[in-house]
Protein backbone atom coordinates (compact mmCIF):
# COMPACT_ATOMS: atom_id res chain seq x y z
CA MET A 1 -1.51 82.20 11.73
CA ARG A 2 -0.77 85.92 11.85
CA PRO A 3 -3.60 87.54 13.85
CA ARG A 4 -5.81 89.98 11.96
CA MET A 5 -5.38 93.68 12.78
CA LEU A 6 -8.20 93.96 15.29
CA ARG A 7 -9.51 97.30 16.42
CA THR A 8 -7.21 99.08 14.03
CA SER A 9 -6.25 96.81 11.35
CA LEU A 10 5.96 66.11 31.70
CA ALA A 11 7.90 66.99 34.61
CA THR A 12 10.91 66.17 32.39
CA LEU A 13 10.11 68.90 30.00
CA THR A 14 9.70 71.44 32.77
CA ALA A 15 13.02 70.54 34.32
CA GLY A 16 14.62 70.52 30.89
CA LEU A 17 13.54 74.05 30.11
CA ALA A 18 15.21 75.25 33.27
CA ALA A 19 18.49 73.89 31.93
CA ALA A 20 18.19 75.50 28.50
CA GLY A 21 21.04 77.88 27.79
CA CYS A 22 18.91 80.90 26.97
CA LEU A 23 16.25 80.30 29.60
CA VAL A 24 15.69 83.13 32.03
CA ALA A 25 14.43 81.59 35.25
CA ALA A 26 12.19 83.40 37.67
CA GLY A 27 12.43 80.97 40.57
CA PRO A 28 9.75 78.79 42.13
CA ALA A 29 6.24 79.94 42.88
CA ALA A 30 5.41 80.63 46.52
CA ALA A 31 4.50 77.48 48.40
CA ALA A 32 1.80 78.98 50.58
CA HIS A 33 -1.61 78.79 48.95
CA ASP A 34 -2.84 81.88 50.73
CA ARG A 35 -0.22 84.16 49.16
CA PRO A 36 0.09 85.34 45.57
CA PRO A 37 2.83 83.43 43.71
CA ARG A 38 6.22 85.04 43.16
CA HIS A 39 6.66 86.62 39.72
CA ALA A 40 2.90 86.66 39.46
CA CYS A 41 0.94 87.51 36.34
CA SER A 42 -2.18 87.18 38.52
CA PRO A 43 -3.14 85.37 41.73
CA ALA A 44 -3.64 82.20 39.63
CA VAL A 45 -0.68 82.37 37.23
CA SER A 46 3.04 82.92 37.65
CA LEU A 47 5.79 83.16 35.05
CA THR A 48 8.65 80.84 35.89
CA GLY A 49 10.85 81.52 32.87
CA TYR A 50 11.14 82.30 29.17
CA SER A 51 13.49 81.27 26.37
CA ASP A 52 14.32 82.73 22.94
CA VAL A 53 16.80 79.94 22.15
CA LEU A 54 15.15 78.98 18.84
CA ASP A 55 14.56 82.47 17.51
CA LYS A 56 15.72 82.87 13.89
CA THR A 57 17.46 79.50 13.77
CA THR A 58 17.45 76.69 11.22
CA TYR A 59 17.69 72.93 11.53
CA ASP A 60 18.54 70.52 8.70
CA GLY A 61 17.82 73.29 6.20
CA THR A 62 14.41 74.10 7.72
CA TYR A 63 13.55 77.39 9.38
CA VAL A 64 12.70 76.81 13.04
CA GLY A 65 9.88 79.27 13.51
CA ASN A 66 6.26 79.94 12.58
CA LEU A 67 5.45 77.66 15.53
CA SER A 68 1.72 77.34 16.06
CA ALA A 69 1.27 74.29 18.33
CA LEU A 70 2.99 72.19 20.99
CA ALA A 71 2.31 68.71 22.35
CA PRO A 72 4.12 66.35 24.73
CA ASP A 73 5.84 63.70 22.62
CA ARG A 74 7.04 60.28 23.55
CA ARG A 75 10.08 59.66 25.74
CA GLY A 76 10.00 63.09 27.35
CA ALA A 77 10.37 65.17 24.20
CA VAL A 78 8.06 67.89 22.92
CA ALA A 79 6.62 68.15 19.42
CA ALA A 80 6.43 71.64 17.90
CA LEU A 81 4.35 72.31 14.79
CA SER A 82 5.10 75.02 12.25
CA ASP A 83 2.21 76.43 10.24
CA ARG A 84 4.46 75.97 7.21
CA SER A 85 4.00 72.15 7.37
CA SER A 86 7.10 71.26 9.41
CA LEU A 87 6.89 69.18 12.58
CA PHE A 88 9.90 69.36 14.90
CA ARG A 89 10.87 67.06 17.72
CA LEU A 90 12.59 69.14 20.39
CA ASP A 91 14.99 67.98 23.06
CA ALA A 92 13.35 68.32 26.46
CA ARG A 93 16.49 69.69 28.13
CA THR A 94 17.77 72.18 25.58
CA LEU A 95 14.76 72.84 23.29
CA GLU A 96 17.10 72.17 20.39
CA PRO A 97 15.57 70.27 17.45
CA ARG A 98 16.42 66.59 17.22
CA GLY A 99 14.34 65.82 14.15
CA VAL A 100 11.98 67.35 11.61
CA ILE A 101 9.45 65.90 9.20
CA ALA A 102 7.49 67.58 6.43
CA LEU A 103 3.71 67.25 6.30
CA ALA A 104 1.51 67.49 3.22
CA ASP A 105 -2.09 66.95 2.16
CA GLU A 106 -3.40 64.23 -0.15
CA ASN A 107 -2.06 66.07 -3.19
CA GLY A 108 1.38 66.73 -1.72
CA ALA A 109 0.60 70.38 -0.99
CA ALA A 110 1.66 72.17 2.18
CA LEU A 111 -0.79 72.64 5.05
CA ASP A 112 -1.70 75.70 7.07
CA SER A 113 -1.12 73.52 10.11
CA GLU A 114 -2.26 75.03 13.42
CA GLY A 115 -3.18 72.35 15.98
CA LEU A 116 -1.32 69.25 17.18
CA VAL A 117 -1.99 66.14 19.28
CA VAL A 118 0.34 63.19 19.76
CA ASP A 119 -2.07 60.26 20.02
CA ARG A 120 -1.56 57.32 22.38
CA ASP A 121 -0.11 55.17 19.57
CA GLY A 122 2.47 57.86 18.75
CA THR A 123 0.80 59.07 15.56
CA TYR A 124 0.17 62.78 15.03
CA LEU A 125 -3.23 64.44 14.69
CA VAL A 126 -2.83 67.77 12.90
CA SER A 127 -5.46 70.41 12.24
CA SER A 128 -5.25 72.74 9.26
CA GLU A 129 -7.36 75.84 8.78
CA THR A 130 -7.24 75.63 5.00
CA GLU A 131 -10.39 73.50 4.58
CA PRO A 132 -10.42 73.07 7.65
CA SER A 133 -9.31 69.51 8.39
CA VAL A 134 -7.87 67.15 10.97
CA ARG A 135 -5.46 64.60 9.50
CA ARG A 136 -3.54 61.72 11.03
CA TYR A 137 0.16 61.20 10.24
CA SER A 138 2.62 58.46 11.04
CA ARG A 139 5.79 59.13 13.04
CA THR A 140 7.60 59.60 9.73
CA GLY A 141 5.03 61.97 8.23
CA GLU A 142 3.01 59.60 6.07
CA LEU A 143 -0.63 60.63 5.71
CA LEU A 144 -2.85 57.94 7.26
CA GLY A 145 -6.30 59.49 6.97
CA ARG A 146 -8.55 62.35 8.00
CA LEU A 147 -11.50 62.99 10.27
CA PRO A 148 -14.98 64.11 9.20
CA VAL A 149 -15.81 67.83 9.59
CA PRO A 150 -19.34 69.32 9.92
CA ASP A 151 -20.46 71.20 6.81
CA ASP A 152 -21.06 74.45 8.72
CA LEU A 153 -17.45 74.58 9.88
CA ARG A 154 -16.00 74.35 6.38
CA THR A 155 -14.46 77.45 4.82
CA ALA A 156 -16.83 79.50 2.64
CA PRO A 157 -18.37 78.96 0.15
CA GLU A 158 -18.76 75.30 1.20
CA GLY A 159 -19.50 76.35 4.80
CA ARG A 160 -19.61 79.40 7.07
CA ALA A 161 -16.03 79.51 8.35
CA ARG A 162 -13.83 82.47 7.46
CA ALA A 163 -10.60 81.96 5.56
CA ASN A 164 -7.72 81.58 8.04
CA GLY A 165 -10.16 81.57 10.93
CA SER A 166 -11.12 77.96 11.54
CA PHE A 167 -9.34 75.08 13.36
CA GLU A 168 -6.61 76.89 15.30
CA GLY A 169 -6.41 74.68 18.39
CA LEU A 170 -6.50 70.91 18.96
CA THR A 171 -6.41 68.88 22.18
CA LEU A 172 -7.15 65.39 23.48
CA LEU A 173 -9.08 65.22 26.73
CA PRO A 174 -7.86 63.01 29.60
CA GLY A 175 -8.63 59.37 28.94
CA GLY A 176 -7.97 59.79 25.23
CA ARG A 177 -11.56 59.30 24.09
CA THR A 178 -12.51 62.89 23.18
CA LEU A 179 -10.66 65.06 20.66
CA LEU A 180 -11.52 68.77 20.53
CA ALA A 181 -10.75 71.47 17.96
CA SER A 182 -11.30 75.18 18.53
CA MET A 183 -12.23 77.67 15.84
CA GLU A 184 -10.26 80.91 15.89
CA TYR A 185 -13.03 83.28 14.81
CA PRO A 186 -16.84 83.19 14.56
CA LEU A 187 -18.71 81.62 11.67
CA ASP A 188 -20.38 84.03 9.28
CA GLY A 189 -23.76 84.84 10.79
CA ASP A 190 -22.72 84.12 14.38
CA PRO A 191 -22.25 86.86 17.02
CA ALA A 192 -18.87 88.60 16.89
CA ASP A 193 -17.77 87.09 20.22
CA LEU A 194 -18.94 83.50 19.67
CA VAL A 195 -16.66 80.75 18.39
CA ARG A 196 -17.34 77.05 17.91
CA PHE A 197 -15.55 74.08 19.47
CA GLN A 198 -15.99 70.71 17.76
CA THR A 199 -15.41 67.30 19.31
CA TRP A 200 -14.86 63.77 18.01
CA GLN A 201 -15.38 60.56 20.00
CA ARG A 202 -13.03 57.60 19.70
CA THR A 203 -14.72 54.39 18.61
CA ARG A 204 -13.86 50.89 19.83
CA HIS A 205 -11.85 50.48 16.62
CA GLY A 206 -9.61 53.42 17.59
CA ASP A 207 -10.76 55.95 14.99
CA PHE A 208 -12.85 59.07 15.65
CA ARG A 209 -16.47 59.91 14.77
CA LEU A 210 -18.12 63.33 15.02
CA GLY A 211 -19.21 64.30 18.51
CA ALA A 212 -20.90 67.26 20.12
CA GLY A 213 -20.31 70.90 19.24
CA TYR A 214 -19.90 73.69 21.79
CA THR A 215 -19.90 77.47 21.86
CA TYR A 216 -17.39 79.71 23.61
CA ARG A 217 -17.54 83.49 24.12
CA THR A 218 -14.31 85.43 23.54
CA ASP A 219 -13.33 88.77 25.00
CA PRO A 220 -14.18 91.67 22.66
CA GLY A 221 -11.88 91.81 19.62
CA LEU A 222 -9.98 88.61 20.44
CA GLY A 223 -9.82 85.20 18.79
CA VAL A 224 -8.93 81.77 20.15
CA SER A 225 -5.34 80.93 19.25
CA GLU A 226 -5.02 77.68 21.24
CA VAL A 227 -6.85 75.30 23.55
CA THR A 228 -5.39 72.53 25.70
CA ALA A 229 -6.96 70.19 28.23
CA THR A 230 -5.95 70.21 31.88
CA PRO A 231 -5.43 66.94 33.79
CA ASP A 232 -8.99 67.20 35.17
CA GLY A 233 -10.54 67.74 31.74
CA ARG A 234 -11.17 71.47 31.84
CA LEU A 235 -9.82 73.64 29.05
CA LEU A 236 -7.07 76.25 29.09
CA VAL A 237 -7.96 78.71 26.34
CA LEU A 238 -5.51 81.23 24.92
CA GLU A 239 -7.19 84.32 23.46
CA ARG A 240 -5.15 86.69 21.33
CA GLY A 241 -5.46 89.87 19.30
CA PHE A 242 -3.21 92.50 17.73
CA THR A 243 -3.46 96.30 17.49
CA ALA A 244 -1.07 98.07 15.13
CA GLY A 245 1.22 100.45 17.01
CA VAL A 246 0.21 98.94 20.35
CA GLY A 247 0.96 95.23 20.10
CA ASN A 248 -0.56 91.96 21.22
CA THR A 249 -3.26 91.20 23.73
CA VAL A 250 -2.89 87.66 25.14
CA ARG A 251 -5.18 86.31 27.85
CA LEU A 252 -5.37 82.88 29.46
CA HIS A 253 -8.81 81.59 30.44
CA LEU A 254 -10.10 78.42 32.09
CA ALA A 255 -13.24 76.93 30.52
CA ASP A 256 -15.62 74.17 31.58
CA ARG A 257 -14.97 70.54 30.85
CA PRO A 258 -16.96 69.75 27.67
CA GLY A 259 -20.07 67.72 28.31
CA HIS A 260 -21.90 69.96 30.80
CA GLY A 261 -24.12 71.92 28.42
CA THR A 262 -23.27 73.23 24.97
CA ALA A 263 -22.14 76.71 26.08
CA LEU A 264 -18.73 76.61 27.77
CA ARG A 265 -18.34 79.05 30.64
CA LYS A 266 -14.93 80.59 31.29
CA ARG A 267 -13.03 82.64 33.81
CA LEU A 268 -9.96 84.78 33.31
CA LEU A 269 -6.77 83.38 34.80
CA ALA A 270 -4.35 86.07 33.60
CA ASP A 271 -3.71 88.81 31.11
CA LEU A 272 -0.11 88.11 30.09
CA ALA A 273 0.58 91.84 29.81
CA ASP A 274 0.58 91.78 33.61
CA CYS A 275 3.45 89.26 33.82
CA PRO A 276 6.93 90.39 34.87
CA THR A 277 9.21 91.05 31.90
CA LEU A 278 12.21 89.13 33.35
CA GLY A 279 14.36 91.27 31.05
CA ALA A 280 12.65 90.24 27.81
CA THR A 281 12.80 92.64 24.87
CA ALA A 282 10.50 93.19 21.89
CA GLY A 283 11.24 94.24 18.33
CA GLN A 284 7.95 96.09 17.96
CA PRO A 285 5.64 98.07 20.27
CA GLN A 286 4.09 95.86 22.95
CA PRO A 287 2.17 96.60 26.17
CA ASN A 288 4.79 94.36 27.80
CA PRO A 289 8.05 93.46 25.99
CA LEU A 290 7.50 89.83 27.02
CA LEU A 291 4.52 89.62 24.66
CA ASP A 292 4.49 88.29 21.13
CA ASN A 293 2.13 86.37 18.86
CA PHE A 294 1.51 83.43 21.23
CA GLU A 295 -0.21 80.53 19.46
CA GLY A 296 0.97 77.19 20.89
CA MET A 297 0.32 75.83 24.38
CA THR A 298 0.50 72.50 26.19
CA VAL A 299 0.40 71.15 29.72
CA THR A 300 3.78 69.71 30.74
CA GLY A 301 3.13 68.53 34.28
CA ARG A 302 1.28 68.98 37.55
CA SER A 303 2.54 69.14 41.11
CA GLY A 304 1.55 70.75 44.38
CA GLY A 305 -1.88 71.69 43.07
CA ARG A 306 -0.36 73.65 40.19
CA THR A 307 -0.29 72.90 36.48
CA ASP A 308 2.86 73.63 34.46
CA VAL A 309 2.15 75.07 31.02
CA LEU A 310 4.47 75.74 28.08
CA VAL A 311 3.53 78.46 25.57
CA VAL A 312 5.22 79.40 22.28
CA SER A 313 4.88 82.31 19.85
CA ASP A 314 4.61 82.25 16.06
CA ASP A 315 7.15 84.76 14.73
CA ASN A 316 5.64 84.69 11.22
CA GLN A 317 9.27 84.65 10.00
CA ASN A 318 9.24 88.38 10.68
CA ASP A 319 12.31 90.31 11.84
CA VAL A 320 10.37 92.26 14.48
CA GLN A 321 8.74 89.18 16.01
CA THR A 322 10.31 86.51 18.21
CA THR A 323 10.01 82.75 18.59
CA ARG A 324 9.61 82.75 22.36
CA PHE A 325 8.76 80.05 24.90
CA LEU A 326 7.08 80.89 28.21
CA ARG A 327 6.81 78.63 31.22
CA LEU A 328 3.73 79.32 33.31
CA ARG A 329 2.54 77.79 36.56
CA VAL A 330 -1.23 77.80 36.87
CA ARG A 331 -3.33 77.35 39.99
CA ALA A 332 -6.97 76.78 39.04
């Protein structure tokens, strides 16, 4: 979703991105663990490349933009979800679309789709912040069912969630038994820096039942735009805000693995404004021209003690915003 005006208003995929025509590569991170990585955003995060190859493009009559979520798909591809109810399957080497399906709710209406998981059977779990909801879809886009949602997390007046501020992120923890959704903004009545994370537990029949809820504290003025599990079960959390005339704030945090208390602790890995620009340009004021409205994130591989992460921005189909992919290497 477009952020509110705050303060003023697996290995295959990684290698494939390096071959994409519009990818700007930054080179490998430093091998020595006692030195900051090359092209560092921070001691823990380096930028290894970016690509604008999909910006303002169409595929099969569908606008390729408004991208709000990413997930590793089967056979080395990546699934990219538009918040306008389109789900693209992207080629791992070129990032070019190789398929698109339309998603809809039970009445055939479009979703405000924000979070995406490709389940172990190849079906898609998709969160929408309209109700909010988590629905399951077949590989061809047929609606197969939906998960239960706690009453408090429903959008007002049924619950305490704010319109366009609920299930923004979705991830499946290692082992495939725990699904987690992150709220973007606090519930009405909660502190201004507290957001809720909700989990579901897989049953022996393969479906999901409601699990534990957790709390997470954001940096002042920011919301959670995405969450994705690391291979060891901790959470990478993308926090984002926007200030008119200044631009985006985008920070990457590492949070506890769910299950050790209900309050998830975090530590800052990087403020993406501190990344090298690598020649990127912006169509609007930004603290760093590399920045945009980053909403989607997924882990694409792990090697040498570092986790490879792919991030994408939602251009809101706006001429001054860009559909941009970042490749990050995270040591945490």
